[in-house]
């Protein structure tokens, strides 16, 4: 079995006050060590992605300022939507690579 060493990137324009500089953090989420054809592999990938989203969106988590709390919620929602398409491409690519490797 050929392992792929590709990483998903979770990108965000950080929710920040107008006076702060915009920061675009990213986190690589490796999955080359996972078998994405199994439920266990998918579960681990989803856990890694959820952790990455939380890390990227956490800047104002726990803030008493409602705008910051809403920014975190919006960030998590937006990043989850973006990651879904990357996740699906990774799974499709993994399945295609496995089919080619078995020939």
PDB file of N, CA and C in Angstrom:
ATOM      1  N   UNK A   1       0.861  -1.178   0.000  1.00  0.00           N
ATOM      2  CA  UNK A   1       0.000   0.000   0.000  1.00  0.00           C
ATOM      3  C   UNK A   1       0.896   1.226   0.000  1.00  0.00           C
ATOM      4  N   UNK A   2       0.616   2.117  -0.898  1.00  0.00           N
ATOM      5  CA  UNK A   2       1.395   3.344  -1.019  1.00  0.00           C
ATOM      6  C   UNK A   2       0.742   4.432  -0.180  1.00  0.00           C
ATOM      7  N   UNK A   3       1.507   5.017   0.730  1.00  0.00           N
ATOM      8  CA  UNK A   3       0.967   6.074   1.583  1.00  0.00           C
ATOM      9  C   UNK A   3       1.212   7.427   0.938  1.00  0.00           C
ATOM     10  N   UNK A   4       0.253   8.279   1.037  1.00  0.00           N
ATOM     11  CA  UNK A   4       0.361   9.625   0.502  1.00  0.00           C
ATOM     12  C   UNK A   4       0.678  10.573   1.640  1.00  0.00           C
ATOM     13  N   UNK A   5       1.607  11.452   1.408  1.00  0.00           N
ATOM     14  CA  UNK A   5       2.003  12.422   2.428  1.00  0.00           C
ATOM     15  C   UNK A   5       1.545  13.803   1.989  1.00  0.00           C
ATOM     16  N   UNK A   6       0.267  13.956   1.954  1.00  0.00           N
ATOM     17  CA  UNK A   6      -0.375  15.202   1.574  1.00  0.00           C
ATOM     18  C   UNK A   6      -1.047  15.741   2.821  1.00  0.00           C
ATOM     19  N   UNK A   7      -1.152  17.033   2.932  1.00  0.00           N
ATOM     20  CA  UNK A   7      -1.788  17.617   4.115  1.00  0.00           C
ATOM     21  C   UNK A   7      -2.899  18.557   3.694  1.00  0.00           C
ATOM     22  N   UNK A   8      -3.968  18.551   4.460  1.00  0.00           N
ATOM     23  CA  UNK A   8      -5.034  19.517   4.285  1.00  0.00           C
ATOM     24  C   UNK A   8      -4.634  20.779   5.034  1.00  0.00           C
ATOM     25  N   UNK A   9      -4.941  21.912   4.495  1.00  0.00           N
ATOM     26  CA  UNK A   9      -4.663  23.159   5.202  1.00  0.00           C
ATOM     27  C   UNK A   9      -5.978  23.804   5.584  1.00  0.00           C
ATOM     28  N   UNK A  10      -6.031  24.240   6.796  1.00  0.00           N
ATOM     29  CA  UNK A  10      -7.194  24.954   7.294  1.00  0.00           C
ATOM     30  C   UNK A  10      -6.777  26.412   7.356  1.00  0.00           C
ATOM     31  N   UNK A  11      -7.345  27.216   6.481  1.00  0.00           N
ATOM     32  CA  UNK A  11      -6.975  28.623   6.433  1.00  0.00           C
ATOM     33  C   UNK A  11      -8.093  29.483   6.981  1.00  0.00           C
ATOM     34  N   UNK A  12      -7.722  30.594   7.536  1.00  0.00           N
ATOM     35  CA  UNK A  12      -8.708  31.487   8.130  1.00  0.00           C
ATOM     36  C   UNK A  12      -8.218  32.908   8.096  1.00  0.00           C
ATOM     37  N   UNK A  13      -9.124  33.816   7.913  1.00  0.00           N
ATOM     38  CA  UNK A  13      -8.842  35.217   8.187  1.00  0.00           C
ATOM     39  C   UNK A  13      -9.327  35.406   9.607  1.00  0.00           C
ATOM     40  N   UNK A  14      -8.409  35.565  10.502  1.00  0.00           N
ATOM     41  CA  UNK A  14      -8.736  35.586  11.929  1.00  0.00           C
ATOM     42  C   UNK A  14      -9.696  36.712  12.256  1.00  0.00           C
ATOM     43  N   UNK A  15     -10.717  36.441  13.075  1.00  0.00           N
ATOM     44  CA  UNK A  15     -11.595  37.514  13.524  1.00  0.00           C
ATOM     45  C   UNK A  15     -10.784  38.429  14.432  1.00  0.00           C
ATOM     46  N   UNK A  16     -10.667  39.678  14.056  1.00  0.00           N
ATOM     47  CA  UNK A  16      -9.823  40.582  14.824  1.00  0.00           C
ATOM     48  C   UNK A  16     -10.420  41.983  14.826  1.00  0.00           C
ATOM     49  N   UNK A  17     -10.125  42.741  15.843  1.00  0.00           N
ATOM     50  CA  UNK A  17     -10.586  44.125  15.870  1.00  0.00           C
ATOM     51  C   UNK A  17      -9.994  44.899  14.690  1.00  0.00           C
ATOM     52  N   UNK A  18     -10.644  45.979  14.310  1.00  0.00           N
ATOM     53  CA  UNK A  18     -10.230  46.766  13.151  1.00  0.00           C
ATOM     54  C   UNK A  18      -8.806  47.281  13.276  1.00  0.00           C
ATOM     55  N   UNK A  19      -8.337  47.539  14.470  1.00  0.00           N
ATOM     56  CA  UNK A  19      -7.004  48.095  14.642  1.00  0.00           C
ATOM     57  C   UNK A  19      -5.892  47.047  14.596  1.00  0.00           C
ATOM     58  N   UNK A  20      -6.245  45.800  14.633  1.00  0.00           N
ATOM     59  CA  UNK A  20      -5.228  44.743  14.627  1.00  0.00           C
ATOM     60  C   UNK A  20      -4.880  44.353  13.200  1.00  0.00           C
ATOM     61  N   UNK A  21      -3.671  43.820  13.048  1.00  0.00           N
ATOM     62  CA  UNK A  21      -3.237  43.345  11.757  1.00  0.00           C
ATOM     63  C   UNK A  21      -3.921  42.019  11.455  1.00  0.00           C
ATOM     64  N   UNK A  22      -4.316  41.810  10.184  1.00  0.00           N
ATOM     65  CA  UNK A  22      -4.936  40.530   9.829  1.00  0.00           C
ATOM     66  C   UNK A  22      -3.872  39.440   9.821  1.00  0.00           C
ATOM     67  N   UNK A  23      -4.243  38.317  10.356  1.00  0.00           N
ATOM     68  CA  UNK A  23      -3.350  37.163  10.418  1.00  0.00           C
ATOM     69  C   UNK A  23      -4.051  36.007   9.728  1.00  0.00           C
ATOM     70  N   UNK A  24      -3.301  35.248   8.960  1.00  0.00           N
ATOM     71  CA  UNK A  24      -3.883  34.099   8.283  1.00  0.00           C
ATOM     72  C   UNK A  24      -3.150  32.843   8.728  1.00  0.00           C
ATOM     73  N   UNK A  25      -3.555  32.273   9.857  1.00  0.00           N
ATOM     74  CA  UNK A  25      -2.892  31.049  10.303  1.00  0.00           C
ATOM     75  C   UNK A  25      -3.335  29.846   9.479  1.00  0.00           C
ATOM     76  N   UNK A  26      -2.493  28.868   9.397  1.00  0.00           N
ATOM     77  CA  UNK A  26      -2.893  27.621   8.754  1.00  0.00           C
ATOM     78  C   UNK A  26      -2.290  26.471   9.554  1.00  0.00           C
ATOM     79  N   UNK A  27      -2.947  25.367   9.491  1.00  0.00           N
ATOM     80  CA  UNK A  27      -2.492  24.168  10.197  1.00  0.00           C
ATOM     81  C   UNK A  27      -2.536  23.018   9.201  1.00  0.00           C
ATOM     82  N   UNK A  28      -1.420  22.341   9.058  1.00  0.00           N
ATOM     83  CA  UNK A  28      -1.375  21.165   8.194  1.00  0.00           C
ATOM     84  C   UNK A  28      -1.948  19.979   8.969  1.00  0.00           C
ATOM     85  N   UNK A  29      -2.829  19.261   8.325  1.00  0.00           N
ATOM     86  CA  UNK A  29      -3.443  18.085   8.945  1.00  0.00           C
ATOM     87  C   UNK A  29      -3.026  16.867   8.120  1.00  0.00           C
ATOM     88  N   UNK A  30      -1.994  16.168   8.584  1.00  0.00           N
ATOM     89  CA  UNK A  30      -1.520  15.009   7.814  1.00  0.00           C
ATOM     90  C   UNK A  30      -2.480  13.828   7.916  1.00  0.00           C
ATOM     91  N   UNK A  31      -2.557  13.071   6.841  1.00  0.00           N
ATOM     92  CA  UNK A  31      -3.398  11.871   6.889  1.00  0.00           C
ATOM     93  C   UNK A  31      -2.775  10.711   6.125  1.00  0.00           C
ATOM     94  N   UNK A  32      -1.512  10.824   5.770  1.00  0.00           N
ATOM     95  CA  UNK A  32      -0.827   9.771   5.038  1.00  0.00           C
ATOM     96  C   UNK A  32      -0.703   8.475   5.823  1.00  0.00           C
ATOM     97  N   UNK A  33      -0.819   8.564   7.129  1.00  0.00           N
ATOM     98  CA  UNK A  33      -0.715   7.377   7.974  1.00  0.00           C
ATOM     99  C   UNK A  33      -2.055   6.681   8.185  1.00  0.00           C
ATOM    100  N   UNK A  34      -3.122   7.218   7.601  1.00  0.00           N
ATOM    101  CA  UNK A  34      -4.464   6.679   7.838  1.00  0.00           C
ATOM    102  C   UNK A  34      -4.956   5.874   6.641  1.00  0.00           C
ATOM    103  N   UNK A  35      -5.750   4.866   6.899  1.00  0.00           N
ATOM    104  CA  UNK A  35      -6.451   4.144   5.853  1.00  0.00           C
ATOM    105  C   UNK A  35      -7.834   4.773   5.742  1.00  0.00           C
ATOM    106  N   UNK A  36      -8.024   5.583   4.720  1.00  0.00           N
ATOM    107  CA  UNK A  36      -9.283   6.317   4.577  1.00  0.00           C
ATOM    108  C   UNK A  36     -10.406   5.468   4.001  1.00  0.00           C
ATOM    109  N   UNK A  37     -10.149   4.190   3.820  1.00  0.00           N
ATOM    110  CA  UNK A  37     -11.223   3.276   3.402  1.00  0.00           C
ATOM    111  C   UNK A  37     -11.885   2.613   4.592  1.00  0.00           C
ATOM    112  N   UNK A  38     -11.404   2.901   5.793  1.00  0.00           N
ATOM    113  CA  UNK A  38     -11.997   2.295   6.983  1.00  0.00           C
ATOM    114  C   UNK A  38     -12.681   3.360   7.827  1.00  0.00           C
ATOM    115  N   UNK A  39     -13.641   2.918   8.593  1.00  0.00           N
ATOM    116  CA  UNK A  39     -14.367   3.816   9.494  1.00  0.00           C
ATOM    117  C   UNK A  39     -13.412   4.404  10.539  1.00  0.00           C
ATOM    118  N   UNK A  40     -12.489   3.576  11.017  1.00  0.00           N
ATOM    119  CA  UNK A  40     -11.530   4.039  12.029  1.00  0.00           C
ATOM    120  C   UNK A  40     -10.623   5.133  11.453  1.00  0.00           C
ATOM    121  N   UNK A  41     -10.160   4.959  10.227  1.00  0.00           N
ATOM    122  CA  UNK A  41      -9.311   5.967   9.593  1.00  0.00           C
ATOM    123  C   UNK A  41     -10.044   7.280   9.393  1.00  0.00           C
ATOM    124  N   UNK A  42     -11.290   7.202   8.959  1.00  0.00           N
ATOM    125  CA  UNK A  42     -12.099   8.408   8.765  1.00  0.00           C
ATOM    126  C   UNK A  42     -12.376   9.112  10.086  1.00  0.00           C
ATOM    127  N   UNK A  43     -12.588   8.329  11.128  1.00  0.00           N
ATOM    128  CA  UNK A  43     -12.858   8.897  12.450  1.00  0.00           C
ATOM    129  C   UNK A  43     -11.640   9.679  12.957  1.00  0.00           C
ATOM    130  N   UNK A  44     -10.459   9.121  12.763  1.00  0.00           N
ATOM    131  CA  UNK A  44      -9.236   9.807  13.186  1.00  0.00           C
ATOM    132  C   UNK A  44      -9.035  11.079  12.362  1.00  0.00           C
ATOM    133  N   UNK A  45      -9.272  11.004  11.049  1.00  0.00           N
ATOM    134  CA  UNK A  45      -9.151  12.192  10.201  1.00  0.00           C
ATOM    135  C   UNK A  45     -10.111  13.280  10.659  1.00  0.00           C
ATOM    136  N   UNK A  46     -11.352  12.918  10.915  1.00  0.00           N
ATOM    137  CA  UNK A  46     -12.343  13.906  11.360  1.00  0.00           C
ATOM    138  C   UNK A  46     -11.941  14.529  12.696  1.00  0.00           C
ATOM    139  N   UNK A  47     -11.367  13.740  13.584  1.00  0.00           N
ATOM    140  CA  UNK A  47     -10.902  14.251  14.877  1.00  0.00           C
ATOM    141  C   UNK A  47      -9.757  15.246  14.675  1.00  0.00           C
ATOM    142  N   UNK A  48      -8.827  14.910  13.806  1.00  0.00           N
ATOM    143  CA  UNK A  48      -7.707  15.817  13.517  1.00  0.00           C
ATOM    144  C   UNK A  48      -8.203  17.130  12.908  1.00  0.00           C
ATOM    145  N   UNK A  49      -9.152  17.035  11.987  1.00  0.00           N
ATOM    146  CA  UNK A  49      -9.689  18.241  11.348  1.00  0.00           C
ATOM    147  C   UNK A  49     -10.419  19.119  12.357  1.00  0.00           C
ATOM    148  N   UNK A  50     -11.209  18.496  13.227  1.00  0.00           N
ATOM    149  CA  UNK A  50     -11.941  19.259  14.244  1.00  0.00           C
ATOM    150  C   UNK A  50     -10.968  19.966  15.182  1.00  0.00           C
ATOM    151  N   UNK A  51      -9.892  19.297  15.571  1.00  0.00           N
ATOM    152  CA  UNK A  51      -8.886  19.926  16.425  1.00  0.00           C
ATOM    153  C   UNK A  51      -8.215  21.098  15.722  1.00  0.00           C
ATOM    154  N   UNK A  52      -7.912  20.936  14.444  1.00  0.00           N
ATOM    155  CA  UNK A  52      -7.273  22.018  13.681  1.00  0.00           C
ATOM    156  C   UNK A  52      -8.192  23.227  13.583  1.00  0.00           C
ATOM    157  N   UNK A  53      -9.467  22.993  13.339  1.00  0.00           N
ATOM    158  CA  UNK A  53     -10.432  24.098  13.256  1.00  0.00           C
ATOM    159  C   UNK A  53     -10.511  24.818  14.594  1.00  0.00           C
ATOM    160  N   UNK A  54     -10.571  24.059  15.674  1.00  0.00           N
ATOM    161  CA  UNK A  54     -10.617  24.684  17.000  1.00  0.00           C
ATOM    162  C   UNK A  54      -9.369  25.523  17.260  1.00  0.00           C
ATOM    163  N   UNK A  55      -8.216  25.015  16.875  1.00  0.00           N
ATOM    164  CA  UNK A  55      -6.977  25.764  17.081  1.00  0.00           C
ATOM    165  C   UNK A  55      -6.949  27.051  16.265  1.00  0.00           C
ATOM    166  N   UNK A  56      -7.401  26.982  15.028  1.00  0.00           N
ATOM    167  CA  UNK A  56      -7.389  28.151  14.159  1.00  0.00           C
ATOM    168  C   UNK A  56      -8.392  29.192  14.631  1.00  0.00           C
ATOM    169  N   UNK A  57      -9.524  28.767  15.122  1.00  0.00           N
ATOM    170  CA  UNK A  57     -10.608  29.685  15.488  1.00  0.00           C
ATOM    171  C   UNK A  57     -10.614  30.093  16.959  1.00  0.00           C
ATOM    172  N   UNK A  58      -9.660  29.703  17.716  1.00  0.00           N
ATOM    173  CA  UNK A  58      -9.721  29.881  19.170  1.00  0.00           C
ATOM    174  C   UNK A  58      -9.336  31.258  19.684  1.00  0.00           C
ATOM    175  N   UNK A  59      -8.839  32.136  18.857  1.00  0.00           N
ATOM    176  CA  UNK A  59      -8.245  33.383  19.334  1.00  0.00           C
ATOM    177  C   UNK A  59      -9.090  34.127  20.357  1.00  0.00           C
ATOM    178  N   UNK A  60     -10.393  34.190  20.156  1.00  0.00           N
ATOM    179  CA  UNK A  60     -11.257  34.934  21.074  1.00  0.00           C
ATOM    180  C   UNK A  60     -12.214  34.025  21.833  1.00  0.00           C
ATOM    181  N   UNK A  61     -11.940  32.732  21.827  1.00  0.00           N
ATOM    182  CA  UNK A  61     -12.794  31.784  22.531  1.00  0.00           C
ATOM    183  C   UNK A  61     -12.788  32.097  24.027  1.00  0.00           C
ATOM    184  N   UNK A  62     -13.925  32.064  24.633  1.00  0.00           N
ATOM    185  CA  UNK A  62     -14.036  32.337  26.056  1.00  0.00           C
ATOM    186  C   UNK A  62     -14.141  33.816  26.377  1.00  0.00           C
ATOM    187  N   UNK A  63     -14.173  34.643  25.359  1.00  0.00           N
ATOM    188  CA  UNK A  63     -14.264  36.077  25.577  1.00  0.00           C
ATOM    189  C   UNK A  63     -15.661  36.451  26.052  1.00  0.00           C
ATOM    190  N   UNK A  64     -15.731  37.476  26.883  1.00  0.00           N
ATOM    191  CA  UNK A  64     -17.019  37.974  27.344  1.00  0.00           C
ATOM    192  C   UNK A  64     -17.623  38.924  26.316  1.00  0.00           C
ATOM    193  N   UNK A  65     -16.848  39.335  25.345  1.00  0.00           N
ATOM    194  CA  UNK A  65     -17.321  40.264  24.317  1.00  0.00           C
ATOM    195  C   UNK A  65     -18.123  39.478  23.276  1.00  0.00           C
ATOM    196  N   UNK A  66     -19.409  39.786  23.149  1.00  0.00           N
ATOM    197  CA  UNK A  66     -20.263  39.016  22.233  1.00  0.00           C
ATOM    198  C   UNK A  66     -19.732  38.971  20.795  1.00  0.00           C
ATOM    199  N   UNK A  67     -19.174  40.086  20.306  1.00  0.00           N
ATOM    200  CA  UNK A  67     -18.669  40.100  18.928  1.00  0.00           C
ATOM    201  C   UNK A  67     -17.589  39.045  18.727  1.00  0.00           C
ATOM    202  N   UNK A  68     -16.745  38.862  19.723  1.00  0.00           N
ATOM    203  CA  UNK A  68     -15.675  37.881  19.611  1.00  0.00           C
ATOM    204  C   UNK A  68     -16.233  36.464  19.654  1.00  0.00           C
ATOM    205  N   UNK A  69     -17.206  36.235  20.527  1.00  0.00           N
ATOM    206  CA  UNK A  69     -17.815  34.899  20.596  1.00  0.00           C
ATOM    207  C   UNK A  69     -18.495  34.561  19.277  1.00  0.00           C
ATOM    208  N   UNK A  70     -19.197  35.541  18.696  1.00  0.00           N
ATOM    209  CA  UNK A  70     -19.861  35.304  17.415  1.00  0.00           C
ATOM    210  C   UNK A  70     -18.830  35.090  16.309  1.00  0.00           C
ATOM    211  N   UNK A  71     -17.706  35.791  16.391  1.00  0.00           N
ATOM    212  CA  UNK A  71     -16.644  35.613  15.403  1.00  0.00           C
ATOM    213  C   UNK A  71     -16.093  34.193  15.461  1.00  0.00           C
ATOM    214  N   UNK A  72     -15.913  33.653  16.652  1.00  0.00           N
ATOM    215  CA  UNK A  72     -15.421  32.282  16.801  1.00  0.00           C
ATOM    216  C   UNK A  72     -16.438  31.305  16.225  1.00  0.00           C
ATOM    217  N   UNK A  73     -17.708  31.499  16.550  1.00  0.00           N
ATOM    218  CA  UNK A  73     -18.753  30.610  16.024  1.00  0.00           C
ATOM    219  C   UNK A  73     -18.795  30.666  14.499  1.00  0.00           C
ATOM    220  N   UNK A  74     -18.698  31.875  13.949  1.00  0.00           N
ATOM    221  CA  UNK A  74     -18.710  32.046  12.490  1.00  0.00           C
ATOM    222  C   UNK A  74     -17.477  31.368  11.875  1.00  0.00           C
ATOM    223  N   UNK A  75     -16.331  31.550  12.521  1.00  0.00           N
ATOM    224  CA  UNK A  75     -15.092  30.942  12.045  1.00  0.00           C
ATOM    225  C   UNK A  75     -15.226  29.420  11.990  1.00  0.00           C
ATOM    226  N   UNK A  76     -15.717  28.823  13.050  1.00  0.00           N
ATOM    227  CA  UNK A  76     -15.866  27.362  13.099  1.00  0.00           C
ATOM    228  C   UNK A  76     -16.811  26.891  11.993  1.00  0.00           C
ATOM    229  N   UNK A  77     -17.893  27.587  11.808  1.00  0.00           N
ATOM    230  CA  UNK A  77     -18.863  27.209  10.771  1.00  0.00           C
ATOM    231  C   UNK A  77     -18.243  27.313   9.373  1.00  0.00           C
ATOM    232  N   UNK A  78     -17.553  28.420   9.102  1.00  0.00           N
ATOM    233  CA  UNK A  78     -16.943  28.628   7.791  1.00  0.00           C
ATOM    234  C   UNK A  78     -15.831  27.621   7.523  1.00  0.00           C
ATOM    235  N   UNK A  79     -14.972  27.408   8.507  1.00  0.00           N
ATOM    236  CA  UNK A  79     -13.857  26.477   8.325  1.00  0.00           C
ATOM    237  C   UNK A  79     -14.349  25.045   8.168  1.00  0.00           C
ATOM    238  N   UNK A  80     -15.418  24.697   8.871  1.00  0.00           N
ATOM    239  CA  UNK A  80     -15.986  23.357   8.742  1.00  0.00           C
ATOM    240  C   UNK A  80     -16.479  23.130   7.317  1.00  0.00           C
ATOM    241  N   UNK A  81     -17.113  24.138   6.737  1.00  0.00           N
ATOM    242  CA  UNK A  81     -17.594  24.029   5.360  1.00  0.00           C
ATOM    243  C   UNK A  81     -16.425  23.902   4.378  1.00  0.00           C
ATOM    244  N   UNK A  82     -15.388  24.685   4.585  1.00  0.00           N
ATOM    245  CA  UNK A  82     -14.216  24.613   3.705  1.00  0.00           C
ATOM    246  C   UNK A  82     -13.525  23.260   3.810  1.00  0.00           C
ATOM    247  N   UNK A  83     -13.386  22.756   5.007  1.00  0.00           N
ATOM    248  CA  UNK A  83     -12.681  21.507   5.239  1.00  0.00           C
ATOM    249  C   UNK A  83     -13.452  20.324   4.670  1.00  0.00           C
ATOM    250  N   UNK A  84     -14.767  20.417   4.621  1.00  0.00           N
ATOM    251  CA  UNK A  84     -15.573  19.319   4.089  1.00  0.00           C
ATOM    252  C   UNK A  84     -15.172  18.985   2.659  1.00  0.00           C
ATOM    253  N   UNK A  85     -14.990  20.000   1.816  1.00  0.00           N
ATOM    254  CA  UNK A  85     -14.610  19.722   0.432  1.00  0.00           C
ATOM    255  C   UNK A  85     -13.186  19.168   0.352  1.00  0.00           C
ATOM    256  N   UNK A  86     -12.276  19.677   1.189  1.00  0.00           N
ATOM    257  CA  UNK A  86     -10.910  19.144   1.210  1.00  0.00           C
ATOM    258  C   UNK A  86     -10.894  17.690   1.691  1.00  0.00           C
ATOM    259  N   UNK A  87     -11.713  17.408   2.690  1.00  0.00           N
ATOM    260  CA  UNK A  87     -11.820  16.047   3.224  1.00  0.00           C
ATOM    261  C   UNK A  87     -12.326  15.098   2.145  1.00  0.00           C
ATOM    262  N   UNK A  88     -13.369  15.511   1.435  1.00  0.00           N
ATOM    263  CA  UNK A  88     -13.939  14.661   0.392  1.00  0.00           C
ATOM    264  C   UNK A  88     -12.937  14.401  -0.733  1.00  0.00           C
ATOM    265  N   UNK A  89     -12.166  15.423  -1.110  1.00  0.00           N
ATOM    266  CA  UNK A  89     -11.143  15.234  -2.140  1.00  0.00           C
ATOM    267  C   UNK A  89     -10.050  14.278  -1.661  1.00  0.00           C
ATOM    268  N   UNK A  90      -9.668  14.386  -0.395  1.00  0.00           N
ATOM    269  CA  UNK A  90      -8.642  13.494   0.148  1.00  0.00           C
ATOM    270  C   UNK A  90      -9.122  12.052   0.107  1.00  0.00           C
ATOM    271  N   UNK A  91     -10.365  11.826   0.474  1.00  0.00           N
ATOM    272  CA  UNK A  91     -10.922  10.468   0.478  1.00  0.00           C
ATOM    273  C   UNK A  91     -11.018   9.941  -0.948  1.00  0.00           C
ATOM    274  N   UNK A  92     -11.495  10.762  -1.870  1.00  0.00           N
ATOM    275  CA  UNK A  92     -11.603  10.345  -3.269  1.00  0.00           C
ATOM    276  C   UNK A  92     -10.222  10.060  -3.855  1.00  0.00           C
ATOM    277  N   UNK A  93      -9.256  10.907  -3.544  1.00  0.00           N
ATOM    278  CA  UNK A  93      -7.899  10.699  -4.029  1.00  0.00           C
ATOM    279  C   UNK A  93      -7.276   9.441  -3.453  1.00  0.00           C
ATOM    280  N   UNK A  94      -7.555   9.170  -2.210  1.00  0.00           N
ATOM    281  CA  UNK A  94      -7.039   7.975  -1.548  1.00  0.00           C
ATOM    282  C   UNK A  94      -7.620   6.734  -2.200  1.00  0.00           C
ATOM    283  N   UNK A  95      -8.921   6.750  -2.446  1.00  0.00           N
ATOM    284  CA  UNK A  95      -9.584   5.606  -3.069  1.00  0.00           C
ATOM    285  C   UNK A  95      -9.050   5.376  -4.478  1.00  0.00           C
ATOM    286  N   UNK A  96      -8.843   6.449  -5.245  1.00  0.00           N
ATOM    287  CA  UNK A  96      -8.321   6.331  -6.606  1.00  0.00           C
ATOM    288  C   UNK A  96      -6.904   5.788  -6.588  1.00  0.00           C
ATOM    289  N   UNK A  97      -6.075   6.279  -5.679  1.00  0.00           N
ATOM    290  CA  UNK A  97      -4.693   5.818  -5.577  1.00  0.00           C
ATOM    291  C   UNK A  97      -4.628   4.355  -5.203  1.00  0.00           C
ATOM    292  N   UNK A  98      -5.502   3.924  -4.305  1.00  0.00           N
ATOM    293  CA  UNK A  98      -5.528   2.523  -3.900  1.00  0.00           C
ATOM    294  C   UNK A  98      -5.936   1.637  -5.072  1.00  0.00           C
ATOM    295  N   UNK A  99      -6.879   2.100  -5.874  1.00  0.00           N
ATOM    296  CA  UNK A  99      -7.327   1.317  -7.023  1.00  0.00           C
ATOM    297  C   UNK A  99      -6.182   1.171  -8.023  1.00  0.00           C
ATOM    298  N   UNK A 100      -5.465   2.264  -8.295  1.00  0.00           N
ATOM    299  CA  UNK A 100      -4.349   2.219  -9.215  1.00  0.00           C
ATOM    300  C   UNK A 100      -3.218   1.352  -8.683  1.00  0.00           C
ATOM    301  N   UNK A 101      -2.942   1.423  -7.404  1.00  0.00           N
ATOM    302  CA  UNK A 101      -1.847   0.664  -6.803  1.00  0.00           C
ATOM    303  C   UNK A 101      -2.123  -0.841  -6.836  1.00  0.00           C
ATOM    304  N   UNK A 102      -3.392  -1.226  -6.822  1.00  0.00           N
ATOM    305  CA  UNK A 102      -3.730  -2.645  -6.792  1.00  0.00           C
ATOM    306  C   UNK A 102      -3.691  -3.285  -8.167  1.00  0.00           C
ATOM    307  N   UNK A 103      -3.525  -2.489  -9.206  1.00  0.00           N
ATOM    308  CA  UNK A 103      -3.500  -3.043 -10.584  1.00  0.00           C
ATOM    309  C   UNK A 103      -2.165  -3.620 -10.926  1.00  0.00           C
TER     310      UNK A 103
END
